[in-house]
């Protein structure tokens, strides 16, 4: 597993407790509502992370069984703290590129903000298509560009001022790098999906302090791995980013634009 996809150490807890309520909640509600229109009885979630979408699916689909998977066991461990395994919820480590499930096992496959971390999306889409029953639906969300997600952009700008000439590139390399709707459609078509649609959804992040934005983005994502490996002490860097953001916000909680591309296709 590359450092860009490793959610380990303190990342899962900070991701779930700080970043998720800041930027994920509205998108989880939107995507779960979209999935619910198909009234699936069996749902597979890939790259479930700490369960932000899983919890919303569990709430909005009271009769469905949900199998929530992720490559990182630590993320699933954090998820299970809020929503323990039960007859309706199963947490299982799995690679979206090689799913350990039989053909035509699920009515719906969902993925929220995980496809950007998958090295071979063609394989992941093919696997999603394989495990879906005829007429089943893949529903997913990926982040729009970094410029359309203002809190993360401000963190990148702060880091660029701290490290002129060699700014960390994790945000542009991974989470905000996969949002070309034409490319997404072509990849879904190649995997055998039909009725493909993609559209942009926008919200604002929940108002957050400079420190919360710094901690959540610097230490609650795999950006922490890049910084620790090549830029120095992670705690010091976090404090410096918080200081720069505080000077910019002047004590006012920040609520900026967040944007994602929602995509869907039928098996």
Protein backbone atom coordinates (compact mmCIF):
# COMPACT_ATOMS: atom_id res chain seq x y z
CA UNK A 1 0.00 0.00 0.00
CA UNK A 2 1.41 3.39 -0.97
CA UNK A 3 1.78 6.18 1.56
CA UNK A 4 -0.85 8.13 -0.39
CA UNK A 5 -3.47 5.52 0.53
CA UNK A 6 -2.29 4.59 4.04
CA UNK A 7 -4.75 5.74 6.71
CA UNK A 8 -2.87 4.60 9.80
CA UNK A 9 -1.69 5.86 13.19
CA UNK A 10 -3.73 8.84 14.38
CA UNK A 11 -5.20 9.52 10.92
CA UNK A 12 -8.43 7.44 11.29
CA UNK A 13 -9.53 9.13 14.53
CA UNK A 14 -8.77 12.68 13.35
CA UNK A 15 -10.36 11.95 9.97
CA UNK A 16 -13.56 10.71 11.60
CA UNK A 17 -13.88 13.18 14.45
CA UNK A 18 -12.73 16.39 12.75
CA UNK A 19 -12.69 16.10 8.95
CA UNK A 20 -15.88 14.07 8.46
CA UNK A 21 -18.25 16.47 10.27
CA UNK A 22 -16.51 19.40 8.61
CA UNK A 23 -16.85 18.37 4.97
CA UNK A 24 -18.43 14.92 4.51
CA UNK A 25 -21.80 15.04 6.24
CA UNK A 26 -23.89 16.83 3.61
CA UNK A 27 -22.47 14.72 0.78
CA UNK A 28 -23.14 11.52 2.74
CA UNK A 29 -26.80 12.52 3.13
CA UNK A 30 -27.09 13.34 -0.58
CA UNK A 31 -25.43 10.15 -1.78
CA UNK A 32 -27.37 7.92 0.62
CA UNK A 33 -30.64 9.50 -0.52
CA UNK A 34 -29.68 8.79 -4.12
CA UNK A 35 -28.87 5.16 -3.32
CA UNK A 36 -32.17 4.80 -1.44
CA UNK A 37 -34.20 5.66 -4.56
CA UNK A 38 -33.32 2.19 -5.86
CA UNK A 39 -34.57 0.56 -2.62
CA UNK A 40 -31.70 -1.96 -2.50
CA UNK A 41 -31.91 -4.91 -0.13
CA UNK A 42 -28.18 -5.63 -0.22
CA UNK A 43 -25.54 -2.89 -0.39
CA UNK A 44 -21.78 -3.17 -0.79
CA UNK A 45 -19.72 -0.14 0.17
CA UNK A 46 -16.12 -0.03 -1.02
CA UNK A 47 -13.52 2.29 0.53
CA UNK A 48 -15.96 2.88 3.37
CA UNK A 49 -13.35 4.65 5.48
CA UNK A 50 -14.62 5.45 8.96
CA UNK A 51 -18.24 4.90 7.96
CA UNK A 52 -19.63 8.38 7.28
CA UNK A 53 -21.74 7.13 4.38
CA UNK A 54 -22.34 3.76 6.04
CA UNK A 55 -24.05 5.41 8.98
CA UNK A 56 -26.32 7.40 6.69
CA UNK A 57 -27.18 4.32 4.61
CA UNK A 58 -27.97 2.43 7.80
CA UNK A 59 -30.35 5.21 8.84
CA UNK A 60 -32.10 5.73 5.52
CA UNK A 61 -32.35 2.02 4.51
CA UNK A 62 -33.70 0.34 7.67
CA UNK A 63 -34.38 -3.00 5.94
CA UNK A 64 -31.16 -3.31 3.94
CA UNK A 65 -28.05 -5.29 4.83
CA UNK A 66 -24.81 -3.36 4.31
CA UNK A 67 -21.35 -4.83 3.77
CA UNK A 68 -18.86 -2.03 4.33
CA UNK A 69 -15.30 -2.68 3.16
CA UNK A 70 -12.01 -0.80 3.16
CA UNK A 71 -8.39 -1.60 2.43
CA UNK A 72 -7.29 -0.04 5.74
CA UNK A 73 -8.29 -2.09 8.84
CA UNK A 74 -7.66 0.91 11.10
CA UNK A 75 -10.36 2.90 9.30
CA UNK A 76 -12.88 0.09 9.75
CA UNK A 77 -11.94 -0.18 13.41
CA UNK A 78 -12.75 3.49 13.86
CA UNK A 79 -16.01 3.05 11.95
CA UNK A 80 -17.11 0.17 14.14
CA UNK A 81 -16.84 2.36 17.25
CA UNK A 82 -19.85 4.35 16.05
CA UNK A 83 -21.75 1.55 14.34
CA UNK A 84 -20.89 -1.93 15.67
CA UNK A 85 -21.29 -4.98 13.44
CA UNK A 86 -24.79 -6.49 13.53
CA UNK A 87 -27.17 -8.54 11.39
CA UNK A 88 -27.54 -5.48 9.16
CA UNK A 89 -23.94 -4.24 9.16
CA UNK A 90 -20.79 -6.19 8.32
CA UNK A 91 -17.34 -4.59 8.36
CA UNK A 92 -14.78 -6.42 6.20
CA UNK A 93 -11.32 -5.62 4.93
CA UNK A 94 -11.30 -5.82 1.14
CA UNK A 95 -9.57 -4.32 -1.89
CA UNK A 96 -11.99 -2.65 -4.31
CA UNK A 97 -9.82 -3.96 -7.14
CA UNK A 98 -10.29 -7.60 -6.08
CA UNK A 99 -13.53 -8.10 -4.20
CA UNK A 100 -13.98 -11.34 -2.22
CA UNK A 101 -17.64 -11.74 -3.19
CA UNK A 102 -19.51 -13.92 -5.67
CA UNK A 103 -20.89 -12.63 -8.94
CA UNK A 104 -24.25 -10.84 -8.78
CA UNK A 105 -24.27 -10.62 -4.97
CA UNK A 106 -25.50 -7.07 -4.39
CA UNK A 107 -28.28 -4.71 -5.45
CA UNK A 108 -26.09 -1.63 -5.04
CA UNK A 109 -22.39 -0.78 -4.85
CA UNK A 110 -21.47 2.59 -3.36
CA UNK A 111 -18.23 4.49 -2.88
CA UNK A 112 -17.80 7.90 -1.30
CA UNK A 113 -14.49 9.72 -1.87
CA UNK A 114 -12.51 6.52 -2.25
CA UNK A 115 -12.04 6.01 -5.98
CA UNK A 116 -9.28 8.63 -6.12
CA UNK A 117 -7.11 6.35 -3.95
CA UNK A 118 -7.56 3.26 -6.14
CA UNK A 119 -4.50 2.62 -8.35
CA UNK A 120 -6.45 0.71 -11.02
CA UNK A 121 -9.94 2.15 -11.36
CA UNK A 122 -10.65 0.01 -14.42
CA UNK A 123 -10.32 -3.10 -12.23
CA UNK A 124 -12.39 -1.52 -9.46
CA UNK A 125 -15.20 -0.65 -11.88
CA UNK A 126 -15.06 -4.13 -13.40
CA UNK A 127 -15.28 -5.68 -9.95
CA UNK A 128 -18.23 -3.47 -9.02
CA UNK A 129 -19.96 -4.51 -12.24
CA UNK A 130 -19.24 -8.19 -11.54
CA UNK A 131 -20.76 -8.26 -8.04
CA UNK A 132 -23.87 -6.29 -9.01
CA UNK A 133 -27.06 -8.10 -9.88
CA UNK A 134 -28.59 -7.28 -13.29
CA UNK A 135 -30.15 -3.84 -12.99
CA UNK A 136 -28.15 -3.04 -9.87
CA UNK A 137 -26.51 0.34 -9.61
CA UNK A 138 -23.10 1.76 -8.82
CA UNK A 139 -23.26 5.15 -7.08
CA UNK A 140 -20.16 7.10 -6.12
CA UNK A 141 -18.79 10.52 -5.26
CA UNK A 142 -15.36 11.99 -5.97
CA UNK A 143 -14.06 15.41 -5.05
CA UNK A 144 -14.12 18.17 -7.65
CA UNK A 145 -10.98 20.21 -8.26
CA UNK A 146 -8.92 21.61 -5.40
CA UNK A 147 -9.92 25.14 -6.45
CA UNK A 148 -13.56 24.16 -5.84
CA UNK A 149 -12.81 22.94 -2.30
CA UNK A 150 -11.72 26.03 -0.47
CA UNK A 151 -10.63 24.74 2.94
CA UNK A 152 -8.21 22.25 1.40
CA UNK A 153 -7.00 24.91 -1.04
CA UNK A 154 -6.20 27.26 1.85
CA UNK A 155 -4.19 24.51 3.55
CA UNK A 156 -2.23 23.91 0.33
CA UNK A 157 -1.55 27.63 0.01
CA UNK A 158 -0.30 27.77 3.61
CA UNK A 159 2.00 24.81 2.99
CA UNK A 160 3.30 26.41 -0.20
CA UNK A 161 4.30 29.49 1.79
CA UNK A 162 6.08 27.30 4.36
CA UNK A 163 7.90 25.26 1.72
CA UNK A 164 8.50 27.54 -1.26
CA UNK A 165 9.92 25.77 -4.27
CA UNK A 166 8.79 22.30 -3.20
CA UNK A 167 5.21 22.45 -1.92
CA UNK A 168 3.60 19.14 -0.88
CA UNK A 169 1.50 17.81 -3.77
CA UNK A 170 -0.70 15.18 -2.10
CA UNK A 171 -3.97 17.08 -2.55
CA UNK A 172 -3.43 17.62 -6.29
CA UNK A 173 -1.91 14.18 -6.77
CA UNK A 174 -4.71 12.13 -5.18
CA UNK A 175 -7.95 13.36 -3.58
CA UNK A 176 -8.65 16.23 -6.00
CA UNK A 177 -7.15 14.66 -9.13
CA UNK A 178 -10.02 12.51 -10.47
CA UNK A 179 -13.05 14.55 -11.51
CA UNK A 180 -13.13 14.73 -15.32
CA UNK A 181 -16.72 13.76 -16.11
CA UNK A 182 -15.93 12.63 -19.67
CA UNK A 183 -13.15 10.38 -18.39
CA UNK A 184 -15.41 8.96 -15.69
CA UNK A 185 -18.14 8.16 -18.22
CA UNK A 186 -15.70 6.47 -20.58
CA UNK A 187 -14.25 4.32 -17.79
CA UNK A 188 -17.71 3.25 -16.62
CA UNK A 189 -18.72 2.41 -20.18
CA UNK A 190 -15.58 0.32 -20.62
CA UNK A 191 -16.51 -1.64 -17.50
CA UNK A 192 -19.93 -2.46 -18.95
CA UNK A 193 -22.16 0.04 -17.16
CA UNK A 194 -25.12 1.71 -18.89
CA UNK A 195 -27.33 4.70 -18.11
CA UNK A 196 -24.27 6.56 -16.91
CA UNK A 197 -24.71 9.99 -15.37
CA UNK A 198 -22.37 12.43 -13.67
CA UNK A 199 -23.17 15.77 -12.08
CA UNK A 200 -21.65 18.26 -9.64
CA UNK A 201 -22.95 18.73 -6.08
CA UNK A 202 -21.91 21.72 -3.97
CA UNK A 203 -22.12 22.59 -0.27
CA UNK A 204 -20.23 24.66 2.28
CA UNK A 205 -18.04 23.11 4.91
CA UNK A 206 -19.36 23.33 8.45
CA UNK A 207 -17.88 26.50 10.04
CA UNK A 208 -14.47 25.56 11.40
CA UNK A 209 -11.62 27.22 13.21
CA UNK A 210 -8.18 27.67 11.69
CA UNK A 211 -6.81 25.01 14.01
CA UNK A 212 -9.54 22.48 13.16
CA UNK A 213 -8.91 22.96 9.44
CA UNK A 214 -5.16 22.60 9.93
CA UNK A 215 -5.40 19.50 12.11
CA UNK A 216 -8.01 17.75 9.95
CA UNK A 217 -6.21 18.28 6.65
CA UNK A 218 -2.57 18.05 7.76
CA UNK A 219 -2.87 15.19 10.26
CA UNK A 220 -6.21 13.58 9.37
CA UNK A 221 -5.34 12.59 5.79
CA UNK A 222 -2.40 10.79 4.13
CA UNK A 223 -0.89 14.24 3.58
CA UNK A 224 0.54 13.49 7.03
CA UNK A 225 2.60 10.68 5.50
CA UNK A 226 4.10 12.91 2.82
CA UNK A 227 4.94 15.64 5.32
CA UNK A 228 6.44 13.26 7.88
CA UNK A 229 8.64 11.62 5.26
CA UNK A 230 10.05 14.73 3.65
CA UNK A 231 9.19 17.98 5.41
CA UNK A 232 9.97 17.69 9.10
CA UNK A 233 8.03 17.49 12.36
CA UNK A 234 4.32 17.03 11.72
CA UNK A 235 3.25 18.75 14.92
CA UNK A 236 5.29 21.84 14.12
CA UNK A 237 3.97 21.97 10.55
CA UNK A 238 0.38 21.70 11.82
CA UNK A 239 0.92 24.59 14.21
CA UNK A 240 2.45 26.72 11.47
CA UNK A 241 -0.47 26.05 9.10
CA UNK A 242 -2.93 26.90 11.90
CA UNK A 243 -1.04 30.14 12.59
CA UNK A 244 -1.18 31.19 8.92
CA UNK A 245 -4.87 30.36 8.65
CA UNK A 246 -5.66 32.17 11.89
CA UNK A 247 -3.99 35.31 10.53
CA UNK A 248 -6.19 35.00 7.47
CA UNK A 249 -9.46 34.21 9.28
CA UNK A 250 -8.89 36.71 12.13
CA UNK A 251 -10.78 34.54 14.61
CA UNK A 252 -13.87 34.03 12.41
CA UNK A 253 -14.80 30.38 11.73
CA UNK A 254 -14.35 29.57 8.05
CA UNK A 255 -17.15 28.15 5.87
CA UNK A 256 -16.15 27.83 2.25
CA UNK A 257 -17.25 26.05 -0.88
CA UNK A 258 -17.02 22.27 -1.09
CA UNK A 259 -17.72 20.45 -4.34
CA UNK A 260 -18.00 16.87 -5.54
CA UNK A 261 -18.90 14.94 -8.68
CA UNK A 262 -21.58 12.28 -8.20
CA UNK A 263 -21.59 9.42 -10.69
CA UNK A 264 -23.88 6.48 -11.32
CA UNK A 265 -24.19 3.57 -13.71
CA UNK A 266 -26.42 0.50 -14.04
CA UNK A 267 -25.27 -3.11 -14.39
